[in-house]
All heavy atoms as atom14 arrays in JSON, in Angstrom:
{
  "sequence": "ATGMYEYDSTIGFVNLETARLLVGIDDKGVQSLELRV",
  "atom14_mask": [
    [1, 1, 1, 1, 1, 0, 0, 0, 0, 0, 0, 0, 0, 0],
    [1, 1, 1, 1, 1, 1, 1, 0, 0, 0, 0, 0, 0, 0],
    [1, 1, 1, 1, 0, 0, 0, 0, 0, 0, 0, 0, 0, 0],
    [1, 1, 1, 1, 1, 1, 1, 1, 0, 0, 0, 0, 0, 0],
    [1, 1, 1, 1, 1, 1, 1, 1, 1, 1, 1, 1, 0, 0],
    [1, 1, 1, 1, 1, 1, 1, 1, 1, 0, 0, 0, 0, 0],
    [1, 1, 1, 1, 1, 1, 1, 1, 1, 1, 1, 1, 0, 0],
    [1, 1, 1, 1, 1, 1, 1, 1, 0, 0, 0, 0, 0, 0],
    [1, 1, 1, 1, 1, 1, 0, 0, 0, 0, 0, 0, 0, 0],
    [1, 1, 1, 1, 1, 1, 1, 0, 0, 0, 0, 0, 0, 0],
    [1, 1, 1, 1, 1, 1, 1, 1, 0, 0, 0, 0, 0, 0],
    [1, 1, 1, 1, 0, 0, 0, 0, 0, 0, 0, 0, 0, 0],
    [1, 1, 1, 1, 1, 1, 1, 1, 1, 1, 1, 0, 0, 0],
    [1, 1, 1, 1, 1, 1, 1, 0, 0, 0, 0, 0, 0, 0],
    [1, 1, 1, 1, 1, 1, 1, 1, 0, 0, 0, 0, 0, 0],
    [1, 1, 1, 1, 1, 1, 1, 1, 0, 0, 0, 0, 0, 0],
    [1, 1, 1, 1, 1, 1, 1, 1, 1, 0, 0, 0, 0, 0],
    [1, 1, 1, 1, 1, 1, 1, 0, 0, 0, 0, 0, 0, 0],
    [1, 1, 1, 1, 1, 0, 0, 0, 0, 0, 0, 0, 0, 0],
    [1, 1, 1, 1, 1, 1, 1, 1, 1, 1, 1, 0, 0, 0],
    [1, 1, 1, 1, 1, 1, 1, 1, 0, 0, 0, 0, 0, 0],
    [1, 1, 1, 1, 1, 1, 1, 1, 0, 0, 0, 0, 0, 0],
    [1, 1, 1, 1, 1, 1, 1, 0, 0, 0, 0, 0, 0, 0],
    [1, 1, 1, 1, 0, 0, 0, 0, 0, 0, 0, 0, 0, 0],
    [1, 1, 1, 1, 1, 1, 1, 1, 0, 0, 0, 0, 0, 0],
    [1, 1, 1, 1, 1, 1, 1, 1, 0, 0, 0, 0, 0, 0],
    [1, 1, 1, 1, 1, 1, 1, 1, 0, 0, 0, 0, 0, 0],
    [1, 1, 1, 1, 1, 1, 1, 1, 1, 0, 0, 0, 0, 0],
    [1, 1, 1, 1, 0, 0, 0, 0, 0, 0, 0, 0, 0, 0],
    [1, 1, 1, 1, 1, 1, 1, 0, 0, 0, 0, 0, 0, 0],
    [1, 1, 1, 1, 1, 1, 1, 1, 1, 0, 0, 0, 0, 0],
    [1, 1, 1, 1, 1, 1, 0, 0, 0, 0, 0, 0, 0, 0],
    [1, 1, 1, 1, 1, 1, 1, 1, 0, 0, 0, 0, 0, 0],
    [1, 1, 1, 1, 1, 1, 1, 1, 1, 0, 0, 0, 0, 0],
    [1, 1, 1, 1, 1, 1, 1, 1, 0, 0, 0, 0, 0, 0],
    [1, 1, 1, 1, 1, 1, 1, 1, 1, 1, 1, 0, 0, 0],
    [1, 1, 1, 1, 1, 1, 1, 0, 0, 0, 0, 0, 0, 0]
  ],
  "atom14_positions": [
    [[50.75, 122.96, -107.26], [50.73, 124.4, -106.96], [50.54, 125.15, -108.27], [51.42, 125.15, -109.13], [52.02, 124.84, -106.28], [0.0, 0.0, 0.0], [0.0, 0.0, 0.0], [0.0, 0.0, 0.0], [0.0, 0.0, 0.0], [0.0, 0.0, 0.0], [0.0, 0.0, 0.0], [0.0, 0.0, 0.0], [0.0, 0.0, 0.0], [0.0, 0.0, 0.0]],
    [[49.38, 125.79, -108.43], [49.09, 126.54, -109.65], [49.58, 127.98, -109.56], [49.71, 128.66, -110.57], [47.58, 126.55, -109.93], [46.9, 127.27, -108.88], [47.04, 125.14, -110.0], [0.0, 0.0, 0.0], [0.0, 0.0, 0.0], [0.0, 0.0, 0.0], [0.0, 0.0, 0.0], [0.0, 0.0, 0.0], [0.0, 0.0, 0.0], [0.0, 0.0, 0.0]],
    [[49.79, 128.47, -108.34], [50.13, 129.87, -108.15], [48.92, 130.73, -107.82], [49.07, 131.89, -107.44], [0.0, 0.0, 0.0], [0.0, 0.0, 0.0], [0.0, 0.0, 0.0], [0.0, 0.0, 0.0], [0.0, 0.0, 0.0], [0.0, 0.0, 0.0], [0.0, 0.0, 0.0], [0.0, 0.0, 0.0], [0.0, 0.0, 0.0], [0.0, 0.0, 0.0]],
    [[47.71, 130.18, -107.97], [46.49, 130.89, -107.62], [45.95, 130.32, -106.31], [45.62, 129.13, -106.22], [45.44, 130.76, -108.73], [45.84, 131.44, -110.01], [44.47, 131.59, -111.18], [43.41, 132.75, -110.31], [0.0, 0.0, 0.0], [0.0, 0.0, 0.0], [0.0, 0.0, 0.0], [0.0, 0.0, 0.0], [0.0, 0.0, 0.0], [0.0, 0.0, 0.0]],
    [[45.84, 131.17, -105.31], [45.48, 130.73, -103.97], [44.12, 130.06, -103.94], [43.93, 129.04, -103.25], [45.51, 131.92, -103.01], [45.19, 131.57, -101.58], [46.17, 131.04, -100.75], [43.9, 131.74, -101.07], [45.89, 130.7, -99.44], [43.6, 131.39, -99.76], [44.6, 130.88, -98.95], [44.31, 130.53, -97.66], [0.0, 0.0, 0.0], [0.0, 0.0, 0.0]],
    [[43.15, 130.6, -104.67], [41.8, 130.05, -104.63], [41.74, 128.64, -105.23], [40.9, 127.84, -104.84], [40.82, 130.96, -105.36], [41.14, 131.16, -106.84], [40.1, 132.03, -107.52], [38.92, 131.68, -107.47], [40.5, 133.07, -108.09], [0.0, 0.0, 0.0], [0.0, 0.0, 0.0], [0.0, 0.0, 0.0], [0.0, 0.0, 0.0], [0.0, 0.0, 0.0]],
    [[42.64, 128.31, -106.14], [42.71, 126.95, -106.68], [43.47, 126.02, -105.73], [43.04, 124.91, -105.45], [43.39, 126.94, -108.05], [42.55, 127.48, -109.17], [43.07, 127.69, -110.44], [41.2, 127.77, -108.98], [42.3, 128.19, -111.48], [40.41, 128.27, -110.01], [40.97, 128.47, -111.25], [40.2, 128.96, -112.28], [0.0, 0.0, 0.0], [0.0, 0.0, 0.0]],
    [[44.62, 126.5, -105.26], [45.47, 125.66, -104.43], [44.87, 125.36, -103.06], [45.35, 124.48, -102.36], [46.84, 126.33, -104.24], [47.62, 126.42, -105.54], [47.27, 125.67, -106.48], [48.55, 127.24, -105.63], [0.0, 0.0, 0.0], [0.0, 0.0, 0.0], [0.0, 0.0, 0.0], [0.0, 0.0, 0.0], [0.0, 0.0, 0.0], [0.0, 0.0, 0.0]],
    [[43.84, 126.11, -102.68], [43.25, 125.9, -101.35], [41.87, 125.24, -101.41], [41.27, 125.01, -100.37], [43.12, 127.25, -100.62], [42.27, 128.13, -101.33], [0.0, 0.0, 0.0], [0.0, 0.0, 0.0], [0.0, 0.0, 0.0], [0.0, 0.0, 0.0], [0.0, 0.0, 0.0], [0.0, 0.0, 0.0], [0.0, 0.0, 0.0], [0.0, 0.0, 0.0]],
    [[41.38, 124.93, -102.63], [40.01, 124.41, -102.7], [39.83, 123.2, -103.62], [38.76, 122.61, -103.64], [39.05, 125.51, -103.2], [39.47, 125.96, -104.49], [39.01, 126.68, -102.23], [0.0, 0.0, 0.0], [0.0, 0.0, 0.0], [0.0, 0.0, 0.0], [0.0, 0.0, 0.0], [0.0, 0.0, 0.0], [0.0, 0.0, 0.0], [0.0, 0.0, 0.0]],
    [[40.85, 122.81, -104.38], [40.66, 121.77, -105.41], [41.45, 120.51, -105.06], [42.58, 120.58, -104.56], [41.07, 122.3, -106.79], [40.14, 123.43, -107.24], [41.05, 121.18, -107.83], [40.48, 124.01, -108.59], [0.0, 0.0, 0.0], [0.0, 0.0, 0.0], [0.0, 0.0, 0.0], [0.0, 0.0, 0.0], [0.0, 0.0, 0.0], [0.0, 0.0, 0.0]],
    [[40.85, 119.38, -105.36], [41.52, 118.1, -105.25], [41.19, 117.23, -106.45], [40.06, 117.29, -106.97], [0.0, 0.0, 0.0], [0.0, 0.0, 0.0], [0.0, 0.0, 0.0], [0.0, 0.0, 0.0], [0.0, 0.0, 0.0], [0.0, 0.0, 0.0], [0.0, 0.0, 0.0], [0.0, 0.0, 0.0], [0.0, 0.0, 0.0], [0.0, 0.0, 0.0]],
    [[42.15, 116.44, -106.93], [41.94, 115.58, -108.09], [41.96, 114.11, -107.67], [42.85, 113.68, -106.92], [43.04, 115.82, -109.14], [42.95, 117.14, -109.83], [43.63, 118.24, -109.35], [42.17, 117.3, -110.98], [43.55, 119.47, -109.99], [42.09, 118.51, -111.62], [42.77, 119.6, -111.12], [0.0, 0.0, 0.0], [0.0, 0.0, 0.0], [0.0, 0.0, 0.0]],
    [[40.98, 113.37, -108.16], [40.93, 111.93, -107.96], [40.67, 111.28, -109.32], [40.4, 111.98, -110.3], [39.82, 111.53, -106.95], [40.11, 112.1, -105.57], [38.44, 112.0, -107.44], [0.0, 0.0, 0.0], [0.0, 0.0, 0.0], [0.0, 0.0, 0.0], [0.0, 0.0, 0.0], [0.0, 0.0, 0.0], [0.0, 0.0, 0.0], [0.0, 0.0, 0.0]],
    [[40.73, 109.94, -109.36], [40.4, 109.29, -110.63], [38.9, 109.2, -110.8], [38.12, 109.5, -109.89], [41.07, 107.91, -110.73], [40.67, 106.99, -109.58], [39.54, 107.04, -109.08], [41.6, 106.15, -109.15], [0.0, 0.0, 0.0], [0.0, 0.0, 0.0], [0.0, 0.0, 0.0], [0.0, 0.0, 0.0], [0.0, 0.0, 0.0], [0.0, 0.0, 0.0]],
    [[38.46, 108.78, -111.97], [37.03, 108.78, -112.3], [36.24, 107.82, -111.41], [35.11, 108.13, -111.01], [36.84, 108.42, -113.77], [37.31, 109.45, -114.8], [37.15, 108.89, -116.21], [36.54, 110.76, -114.65], [0.0, 0.0, 0.0], [0.0, 0.0, 0.0], [0.0, 0.0, 0.0], [0.0, 0.0, 0.0], [0.0, 0.0, 0.0], [0.0, 0.0, 0.0]],
    [[36.82, 106.66, -111.09], [36.1, 105.69, -110.28], [35.78, 106.24, -108.89], [34.66, 106.09, -108.39], [36.92, 104.4, -110.16], [37.02, 103.58, -111.43], [37.93, 104.22, -112.47], [38.76, 105.08, -112.1], [37.79, 103.88, -113.67], [0.0, 0.0, 0.0], [0.0, 0.0, 0.0], [0.0, 0.0, 0.0], [0.0, 0.0, 0.0], [0.0, 0.0, 0.0]],
    [[36.76, 106.89, -108.27], [36.54, 107.48, -106.95], [35.51, 108.59, -107.03], [34.65, 108.73, -106.15], [37.87, 108.01, -106.39], [38.84, 106.98, -106.39], [37.69, 108.54, -104.97], [0.0, 0.0, 0.0], [0.0, 0.0, 0.0], [0.0, 0.0, 0.0], [0.0, 0.0, 0.0], [0.0, 0.0, 0.0], [0.0, 0.0, 0.0], [0.0, 0.0, 0.0]],
    [[35.59, 109.41, -108.08], [34.65, 110.51, -108.24], [33.23, 109.99, -108.44], [32.26, 110.58, -107.94], [35.07, 111.4, -109.41], [0.0, 0.0, 0.0], [0.0, 0.0, 0.0], [0.0, 0.0, 0.0], [0.0, 0.0, 0.0], [0.0, 0.0, 0.0], [0.0, 0.0, 0.0], [0.0, 0.0, 0.0], [0.0, 0.0, 0.0], [0.0, 0.0, 0.0]],
    [[33.07, 108.89, -109.18], [31.73, 108.33, -109.4], [31.11, 107.87, -108.08], [29.91, 108.05, -107.85], [31.82, 107.15, -110.38], [32.08, 107.56, -111.82], [31.9, 106.39, -112.78], [32.22, 106.76, -114.15], [33.36, 106.47, -114.75], [34.3, 105.77, -114.1], [33.58, 106.85, -115.99], [0.0, 0.0, 0.0], [0.0, 0.0, 0.0], [0.0, 0.0, 0.0]],
    [[31.92, 107.27, -107.21], [31.4, 106.82, -105.91], [30.94, 108.0, -105.06], [29.92, 107.93, -104.37], [32.48, 106.03, -105.18], [32.84, 104.66, -105.78], [34.03, 104.05, -105.02], [31.65, 103.73, -105.75], [0.0, 0.0, 0.0], [0.0, 0.0, 0.0], [0.0, 0.0, 0.0], [0.0, 0.0, 0.0], [0.0, 0.0, 0.0], [0.0, 0.0, 0.0]],
    [[31.7, 109.09, -105.12], [31.36, 110.27, -104.3], [30.14, 111.0, -104.83], [29.26, 111.42, -104.07], [32.55, 111.23, -104.24], [33.74, 110.8, -103.38], [34.91, 111.73, -103.6], [33.36, 110.79, -101.9], [0.0, 0.0, 0.0], [0.0, 0.0, 0.0], [0.0, 0.0, 0.0], [0.0, 0.0, 0.0], [0.0, 0.0, 0.0], [0.0, 0.0, 0.0]],
    [[30.08, 111.16, -106.15], [29.0, 111.94, -106.76], [27.75, 111.09, -106.96], [26.62, 111.61, -106.97], [29.48, 112.54, -108.1], [28.38, 113.33, -108.77], [30.69, 113.45, -107.86], [0.0, 0.0, 0.0], [0.0, 0.0, 0.0], [0.0, 0.0, 0.0], [0.0, 0.0, 0.0], [0.0, 0.0, 0.0], [0.0, 0.0, 0.0], [0.0, 0.0, 0.0]],
    [[27.91, 109.78, -107.13], [26.76, 108.91, -107.33], [26.41, 108.7, -108.79], [25.24, 108.68, -109.15], [0.0, 0.0, 0.0], [0.0, 0.0, 0.0], [0.0, 0.0, 0.0], [0.0, 0.0, 0.0], [0.0, 0.0, 0.0], [0.0, 0.0, 0.0], [0.0, 0.0, 0.0], [0.0, 0.0, 0.0], [0.0, 0.0, 0.0], [0.0, 0.0, 0.0]],
    [[27.42, 108.54, -109.64], [27.22, 108.29, -111.05], [27.47, 106.81, -111.32], [28.5, 106.26, -110.9], [28.14, 109.16, -111.93], [27.84, 110.64, -111.7], [27.98, 108.83, -113.4], [28.74, 111.58, -112.47], [0.0, 0.0, 0.0], [0.0, 0.0, 0.0], [0.0, 0.0, 0.0], [0.0, 0.0, 0.0], [0.0, 0.0, 0.0], [0.0, 0.0, 0.0]],
    [[26.59, 106.18, -112.03], [26.68, 104.74, -112.28], [27.48, 104.46, -113.55], [27.65, 105.33, -114.42], [25.29, 104.12, -112.39], [24.49, 104.3, -111.12], [25.12, 104.31, -110.04], [23.25, 104.43, -111.2], [0.0, 0.0, 0.0], [0.0, 0.0, 0.0], [0.0, 0.0, 0.0], [0.0, 0.0, 0.0], [0.0, 0.0, 0.0], [0.0, 0.0, 0.0]],
    [[27.9, 103.19, -113.68], [28.56, 102.66, -114.88], [29.77, 103.51, -115.3], [30.6, 103.84, -114.47], [27.55, 102.57, -116.03], [26.4, 101.63, -115.68], [26.65, 100.65, -114.96], [25.26, 101.9, -116.12], [0.0, 0.0, 0.0], [0.0, 0.0, 0.0], [0.0, 0.0, 0.0], [0.0, 0.0, 0.0], [0.0, 0.0, 0.0], [0.0, 0.0, 0.0]],
    [[29.8, 103.89, -116.58], [30.94, 104.63, -117.13], [30.6, 106.09, -117.42], [31.33, 106.76, -118.16], [31.42, 103.96, -118.43], [31.91, 102.52, -118.25], [33.16, 102.46, -117.39], [33.67, 101.03, -117.29], [34.9, 100.95, -116.46], [0.0, 0.0, 0.0], [0.0, 0.0, 0.0], [0.0, 0.0, 0.0], [0.0, 0.0, 0.0], [0.0, 0.0, 0.0]],
    [[29.51, 106.56, -116.86], [29.08, 107.92, -117.15], [29.97, 108.99, -116.53], [30.67, 108.75, -115.54], [0.0, 0.0, 0.0], [0.0, 0.0, 0.0], [0.0, 0.0, 0.0], [0.0, 0.0, 0.0], [0.0, 0.0, 0.0], [0.0, 0.0, 0.0], [0.0, 0.0, 0.0], [0.0, 0.0, 0.0], [0.0, 0.0, 0.0], [0.0, 0.0, 0.0]],
    [[29.94, 110.18, -117.12], [30.65, 111.35, -116.6], [29.74, 112.57, -116.72], [28.68, 112.5, -117.36], [31.99, 111.61, -117.35], [32.95, 110.46, -117.17], [31.73, 111.88, -118.83], [0.0, 0.0, 0.0], [0.0, 0.0, 0.0], [0.0, 0.0, 0.0], [0.0, 0.0, 0.0], [0.0, 0.0, 0.0], [0.0, 0.0, 0.0], [0.0, 0.0, 0.0]],
    [[30.14, 113.66, -116.12], [29.34, 114.88, -116.2], [29.66, 115.73, -117.42], [28.79, 116.4, -117.97], [29.54, 115.72, -114.93], [28.97, 115.08, -113.67], [29.3, 115.9, -112.45], [30.25, 116.68, -112.45], [28.51, 115.74, -111.39], [0.0, 0.0, 0.0], [0.0, 0.0, 0.0], [0.0, 0.0, 0.0], [0.0, 0.0, 0.0], [0.0, 0.0, 0.0]],
    [[30.93, 115.72, -117.83], [31.32, 116.61, -118.92], [32.59, 116.12, -119.59], [33.27, 115.21, -119.08], [31.53, 118.04, -118.39], [32.55, 118.04, -117.39], [0.0, 0.0, 0.0], [0.0, 0.0, 0.0], [0.0, 0.0, 0.0], [0.0, 0.0, 0.0], [0.0, 0.0, 0.0], [0.0, 0.0, 0.0], [0.0, 0.0, 0.0], [0.0, 0.0, 0.0]],
    [[32.91, 116.75, -120.72], [34.17, 116.53, -121.41], [34.94, 117.86, -121.42], [34.36, 118.92, -121.64], [33.95, 116.06, -122.84], [33.5, 114.62, -123.08], [33.4, 114.36, -124.58], [34.44, 113.62, -122.44], [0.0, 0.0, 0.0], [0.0, 0.0, 0.0], [0.0, 0.0, 0.0], [0.0, 0.0, 0.0], [0.0, 0.0, 0.0], [0.0, 0.0, 0.0]],
    [[36.24, 117.77, -121.21], [37.11, 118.94, -121.29], [37.93, 118.86, -122.57], [38.51, 117.81, -122.87], [38.02, 119.02, -120.07], [37.26, 119.25, -118.77], [38.18, 119.39, -117.57], [38.91, 118.42, -117.31], [38.17, 120.43, -116.93], [0.0, 0.0, 0.0], [0.0, 0.0, 0.0], [0.0, 0.0, 0.0], [0.0, 0.0, 0.0], [0.0, 0.0, 0.0]],
    [[37.98, 119.96, -123.3], [38.64, 119.97, -124.6], [39.84, 120.92, -124.62], [39.82, 121.97, -123.96], [37.67, 120.39, -125.71], [36.28, 119.74, -125.74], [35.5, 120.27, -126.93], [36.38, 118.24, -125.78], [0.0, 0.0, 0.0], [0.0, 0.0, 0.0], [0.0, 0.0, 0.0], [0.0, 0.0, 0.0], [0.0, 0.0, 0.0], [0.0, 0.0, 0.0]],
    [[40.83, 120.53, -125.37], [41.97, 121.42, -125.65], [41.94, 121.77, -127.13], [41.82, 120.89, -127.98], [43.29, 120.73, -125.31], [44.51, 121.63, -125.54], [45.8, 120.9, -125.18], [46.95, 121.78, -125.28], [47.37, 122.59, -124.34], [46.73, 122.6, -123.17], [48.41, 123.37, -124.51], [0.0, 0.0, 0.0], [0.0, 0.0, 0.0], [0.0, 0.0, 0.0]],
    [[42.04, 123.07, -127.43], [41.98, 123.53, -128.81], [43.36, 123.95, -129.28], [44.27, 124.2, -128.48], [40.98, 124.69, -128.98], [39.59, 124.27, -128.53], [41.43, 125.92, -128.2], [0.0, 0.0, 0.0], [0.0, 0.0, 0.0], [0.0, 0.0, 0.0], [0.0, 0.0, 0.0], [0.0, 0.0, 0.0], [0.0, 0.0, 0.0], [0.0, 0.0, 0.0]]
  ]
}
């Protein structure tokens, strides 16, 4: 629960392997990197 309705009603988190199967990405590839500064 983030406290923001649009996030709590539309987002789901899975691990990378499950996401690759759904999106259709092969091997160890990803779409992006997220950074913390």
